[in-house]
Amino acid sequence: MNYLIAFLVVVIGQVVMHLIFPDSPVSRMDVVFGAFFGLLMLWGVTWARAKP
């Protein structure tokens, strides 16, 4: 389950990075920032769902 979540975070992050920087090639920094933004998005979704 955790591996699936991590995979989704990376994929979502890559999509976000490609939308922000469409001309830049995929590098390790893109993966790091992409995963960070993906984690923020995932945390926001889970927090919104947890609210009553």
PDB file of N, CA and C in Angstrom:
ATOM      1  N   MET A   1       0.833  -1.195   0.000  1.00  0.00           N
ATOM      2  CA  MET A   1       0.000   0.000   0.000  1.00  0.00           C
ATOM      3  C   MET A   1       0.872   1.250   0.000  1.00  0.00           C
ATOM      4  N   ASN A   2       1.899   1.246   0.846  1.00  0.00           N
ATOM      5  CA  ASN A   2       2.785   2.411   0.910  1.00  0.00           C
ATOM      6  C   ASN A   2       3.544   2.606  -0.406  1.00  0.00           C
ATOM      7  N   TYR A   3       3.895   1.487  -1.051  1.00  0.00           N
ATOM      8  CA  TYR A   3       4.616   1.598  -2.321  1.00  0.00           C
ATOM      9  C   TYR A   3       3.717   2.207  -3.388  1.00  0.00           C
ATOM     10  N   LEU A   4       2.437   1.847  -3.375  1.00  0.00           N
ATOM     11  CA  LEU A   4       1.488   2.390  -4.347  1.00  0.00           C
ATOM     12  C   LEU A   4       1.327   3.894  -4.135  1.00  0.00           C
ATOM     13  N   ILE A   5       1.228   4.304  -2.866  1.00  0.00           N
ATOM     14  CA  ILE A   5       1.088   5.729  -2.562  1.00  0.00           C
ATOM     15  C   ILE A   5       2.330   6.486  -3.012  1.00  0.00           C
ATOM     16  N   ALA A   6       3.510   5.932  -2.735  1.00  0.00           N
ATOM     17  CA  ALA A   6       4.747   6.598  -3.143  1.00  0.00           C
ATOM     18  C   ALA A   6       4.819   6.705  -4.659  1.00  0.00           C
ATOM     19  N   PHE A   7       4.403   5.662  -5.363  1.00  0.00           N
ATOM     20  CA  PHE A   7       4.415   5.680  -6.823  1.00  0.00           C
ATOM     21  C   PHE A   7       3.472   6.756  -7.344  1.00  0.00           C
ATOM     22  N   LEU A   8       2.276   6.834  -6.758  1.00  0.00           N
ATOM     23  CA  LEU A   8       1.317   7.851  -7.186  1.00  0.00           C
ATOM     24  C   LEU A   8       1.853   9.249  -6.910  1.00  0.00           C
ATOM     25  N   VAL A   9       2.524   9.427  -5.771  1.00  0.00           N
ATOM     26  CA  VAL A   9       3.093  10.736  -5.433  1.00  0.00           C
ATOM     27  C   VAL A   9       4.113  11.160  -6.477  1.00  0.00           C
ATOM     28  N   VAL A  10       4.981  10.228  -6.879  1.00  0.00           N
ATOM     29  CA  VAL A  10       6.009  10.545  -7.875  1.00  0.00           C
ATOM     30  C   VAL A  10       5.370  10.869  -9.220  1.00  0.00           C
ATOM     31  N   VAL A  11       4.368  10.075  -9.606  1.00  0.00           N
ATOM     32  CA  VAL A  11       3.712  10.311 -10.896  1.00  0.00           C
ATOM     33  C   VAL A  11       3.017  11.667 -10.913  1.00  0.00           C
ATOM     34  N   ILE A  12       2.268  11.964  -9.850  1.00  0.00           N
ATOM     35  CA  ILE A  12       1.579  13.253  -9.772  1.00  0.00           C
ATOM     36  C   ILE A  12       2.595  14.390  -9.775  1.00  0.00           C
ATOM     37  N   GLY A  13       3.691  14.198  -9.048  1.00  0.00           N
ATOM     38  CA  GLY A  13       4.734  15.217  -9.009  1.00  0.00           C
ATOM     39  C   GLY A  13       5.341  15.457 -10.383  1.00  0.00           C
ATOM     40  N   GLN A  14       5.569  14.382 -11.131  1.00  0.00           N
ATOM     41  CA  GLN A  14       6.128  14.526 -12.476  1.00  0.00           C
ATOM     42  C   GLN A  14       5.173  15.300 -13.373  1.00  0.00           C
ATOM     43  N   VAL A  15       3.892  15.019 -13.263  1.00  0.00           N
ATOM     44  CA  VAL A  15       2.903  15.742 -14.072  1.00  0.00           C
ATOM     45  C   VAL A  15       2.920  17.228 -13.716  1.00  0.00           C
ATOM     46  N   VAL A  16       2.979  17.530 -12.418  1.00  0.00           N
ATOM     47  CA  VAL A  16       3.003  18.928 -11.975  1.00  0.00           C
ATOM     48  C   VAL A  16       4.253  19.625 -12.504  1.00  0.00           C
ATOM     49  N   MET A  17       5.401  18.953 -12.392  1.00  0.00           N
ATOM     50  CA  MET A  17       6.641  19.565 -12.848  1.00  0.00           C
ATOM     51  C   MET A  17       6.614  19.784 -14.352  1.00  0.00           C
ATOM     52  N   HIS A  18       6.030  18.859 -15.112  1.00  0.00           N
ATOM     53  CA  HIS A  18       5.954  19.025 -16.569  1.00  0.00           C
ATOM     54  C   HIS A  18       5.010  20.155 -16.936  1.00  0.00           C
ATOM     55  N   LEU A  19       3.983  20.381 -16.109  1.00  0.00           N
ATOM     56  CA  LEU A  19       3.072  21.495 -16.373  1.00  0.00           C
ATOM     57  C   LEU A  19       3.761  22.824 -16.066  1.00  0.00           C
ATOM     58  N   ILE A  20       4.594  22.843 -15.011  1.00  0.00           N
ATOM     59  CA  ILE A  20       5.276  24.087 -14.630  1.00  0.00           C
ATOM     60  C   ILE A  20       6.470  24.352 -15.551  1.00  0.00           C
ATOM     61  N   PHE A  21       7.279  23.318 -15.806  1.00  0.00           N
ATOM     62  CA  PHE A  21       8.468  23.473 -16.647  1.00  0.00           C
ATOM     63  C   PHE A  21       8.404  22.474 -17.802  1.00  0.00           C
ATOM     64  N   PRO A  22       7.631  22.776 -18.858  1.00  0.00           N
ATOM     65  CA  PRO A  22       7.473  21.811 -19.949  1.00  0.00           C
ATOM     66  C   PRO A  22       8.734  21.639 -20.798  1.00  0.00           C
ATOM     67  N   ASP A  23       9.653  22.624 -20.752  1.00  0.00           N
ATOM     68  CA  ASP A  23      10.836  22.562 -21.615  1.00  0.00           C
ATOM     69  C   ASP A  23      12.019  21.871 -20.938  1.00  0.00           C
ATOM     70  N   SER A  24      11.953  21.707 -19.611  1.00  0.00           N
ATOM     71  CA  SER A  24      13.101  21.129 -18.912  1.00  0.00           C
ATOM     72  C   SER A  24      13.067  19.610 -18.969  1.00  0.00           C
ATOM     73  N   PRO A  25      14.213  18.975 -19.160  1.00  0.00           N
ATOM     74  CA  PRO A  25      14.274  17.510 -19.120  1.00  0.00           C
ATOM     75  C   PRO A  25      14.084  17.012 -17.690  1.00  0.00           C
ATOM     76  N   VAL A  26      13.680  15.777 -17.562  1.00  0.00           N
ATOM     77  CA  VAL A  26      13.460  15.216 -16.233  1.00  0.00           C
ATOM     78  C   VAL A  26      14.810  14.980 -15.555  1.00  0.00           C
ATOM     79  N   SER A  27      14.986  15.601 -14.409  1.00  0.00           N
ATOM     80  CA  SER A  27      16.227  15.426 -13.657  1.00  0.00           C
ATOM     81  C   SER A  27      15.890  14.985 -12.240  1.00  0.00           C
ATOM     82  N   ARG A  28      16.916  14.743 -11.450  1.00  0.00           N
ATOM     83  CA  ARG A  28      16.670  14.292 -10.076  1.00  0.00           C
ATOM     84  C   ARG A  28      15.972  15.377  -9.263  1.00  0.00           C
ATOM     85  N   MET A  29      16.299  16.645  -9.517  1.00  0.00           N
ATOM     86  CA  MET A  29      15.649  17.722  -8.781  1.00  0.00           C
ATOM     87  C   MET A  29      14.172  17.782  -9.133  1.00  0.00           C
ATOM     88  N   ASP A  30      13.826  17.493 -10.404  1.00  0.00           N
ATOM     89  CA  ASP A  30      12.415  17.461 -10.789  1.00  0.00           C
ATOM     90  C   ASP A  30      11.687  16.381  -9.992  1.00  0.00           C
ATOM     91  N   VAL A  31      12.348  15.252  -9.802  1.00  0.00           N
ATOM     92  CA  VAL A  31      11.734  14.157  -9.046  1.00  0.00           C
ATOM     93  C   VAL A  31      11.547  14.571  -7.590  1.00  0.00           C
ATOM     94  N   VAL A  32      12.565  15.235  -7.021  1.00  0.00           N
ATOM     95  CA  VAL A  32      12.483  15.643  -5.615  1.00  0.00           C
ATOM     96  C   VAL A  32      11.365  16.658  -5.419  1.00  0.00           C
ATOM     97  N   PHE A  33      11.375  17.729  -6.226  1.00  0.00           N
ATOM     98  CA  PHE A  33      10.334  18.746  -6.075  1.00  0.00           C
ATOM     99  C   PHE A  33       8.966  18.177  -6.449  1.00  0.00           C
ATOM    100  N   GLY A  34       8.932  17.323  -7.467  1.00  0.00           N
ATOM    101  CA  GLY A  34       7.673  16.711  -7.872  1.00  0.00           C
ATOM    102  C   GLY A  34       7.086  15.859  -6.764  1.00  0.00           C
ATOM    103  N   ALA A  35       7.937  15.064  -6.126  1.00  0.00           N
ATOM    104  CA  ALA A  35       7.463  14.223  -5.031  1.00  0.00           C
ATOM    105  C   ALA A  35       6.994  15.088  -3.864  1.00  0.00           C
ATOM    106  N   PHE A  36       7.693  16.214  -3.632  1.00  0.00           N
ATOM    107  CA  PHE A  36       7.302  17.117  -2.536  1.00  0.00           C
ATOM    108  C   PHE A  36       5.921  17.706  -2.801  1.00  0.00           C
ATOM    109  N   PHE A  37       5.714  18.220  -4.034  1.00  0.00           N
ATOM    110  CA  PHE A  37       4.410  18.787  -4.372  1.00  0.00           C
ATOM    111  C   PHE A  37       3.334  17.700  -4.338  1.00  0.00           C
ATOM    112  N   GLY A  38       3.694  16.501  -4.797  1.00  0.00           N
ATOM    113  CA  GLY A  38       2.743  15.396  -4.775  1.00  0.00           C
ATOM    114  C   GLY A  38       2.333  15.049  -3.349  1.00  0.00           C
ATOM    115  N   LEU A  39       3.315  15.058  -2.434  1.00  0.00           N
ATOM    116  CA  LEU A  39       3.010  14.772  -1.032  1.00  0.00           C
ATOM    117  C   LEU A  39       2.100  15.849  -0.459  1.00  0.00           C
ATOM    118  N   LEU A  40       2.365  17.117  -0.791  1.00  0.00           N
ATOM    119  CA  LEU A  40       1.504  18.198  -0.301  1.00  0.00           C
ATOM    120  C   LEU A  40       0.077  18.019  -0.805  1.00  0.00           C
ATOM    121  N   MET A  41      -0.061  17.679  -2.099  1.00  0.00           N
ATOM    122  CA  MET A  41      -1.388  17.482  -2.668  1.00  0.00           C
ATOM    123  C   MET A  41      -2.084  16.301  -1.993  1.00  0.00           C
ATOM    124  N   LEU A  42      -1.354  15.183  -1.813  1.00  0.00           N
ATOM    125  CA  LEU A  42      -1.931  13.994  -1.193  1.00  0.00           C
ATOM    126  C   LEU A  42      -2.337  14.287   0.248  1.00  0.00           C
ATOM    127  N   TRP A  43      -1.498  15.030   0.978  1.00  0.00           N
ATOM    128  CA  TRP A  43      -1.814  15.385   2.363  1.00  0.00           C
ATOM    129  C   TRP A  43      -3.038  16.280   2.415  1.00  0.00           C
ATOM    130  N   GLY A  44      -3.139  17.215   1.466  1.00  0.00           N
ATOM    131  CA  GLY A  44      -4.291  18.106   1.426  1.00  0.00           C
ATOM    132  C   GLY A  44      -5.578  17.341   1.175  1.00  0.00           C
ATOM    133  N   VAL A  45      -5.518  16.366   0.264  1.00  0.00           N
ATOM    134  CA  VAL A  45      -6.717  15.573  -0.045  1.00  0.00           C
ATOM    135  C   VAL A  45      -7.132  14.748   1.170  1.00  0.00           C
ATOM    136  N   THR A  46      -6.174  14.096   1.816  1.00  0.00           N
ATOM    137  CA  THR A  46      -6.513  13.245   2.965  1.00  0.00           C
ATOM    138  C   THR A  46      -7.015  14.108   4.125  1.00  0.00           C
ATOM    139  N   TRP A  47      -6.434  15.303   4.293  1.00  0.00           N
ATOM    140  CA  TRP A  47      -6.871  16.191   5.380  1.00  0.00           C
ATOM    141  C   TRP A  47      -8.287  16.682   5.117  1.00  0.00           C
ATOM    142  N   ALA A  48      -8.580  17.024   3.857  1.00  0.00           N
ATOM    143  CA  ALA A  48      -9.926  17.503   3.504  1.00  0.00           C
ATOM    144  C   ALA A  48     -10.962  16.398   3.725  1.00  0.00           C
ATOM    145  N   ARG A  49     -10.591  15.152   3.413  1.00  0.00           N
ATOM    146  CA  ARG A  49     -11.528  14.049   3.593  1.00  0.00           C
ATOM    147  C   ARG A  49     -11.712  13.725   5.074  1.00  0.00           C
ATOM    148  N   ALA A  50     -10.690  13.984   5.884  1.00  0.00           N
ATOM    149  CA  ALA A  50     -10.780  13.665   7.308  1.00  0.00           C
ATOM    150  C   ALA A  50     -11.658  14.680   8.046  1.00  0.00           C
ATOM    151  N   LYS A  51     -11.823  15.866   7.483  1.00  0.00           N
ATOM    152  CA  LYS A  51     -12.653  16.876   8.142  1.00  0.00           C
ATOM    153  C   LYS A  51     -14.114  16.436   8.153  1.00  0.00           C
ATOM    154  N   PRO A  52     -14.836  16.719   9.219  1.00  0.00           N
ATOM    155  CA  PRO A  52     -16.247  16.326   9.335  1.00  0.00           C
ATOM    156  C   PRO A  52     -17.135  17.149   8.404  1.00  0.00           C
TER     157      PRO A  52
END
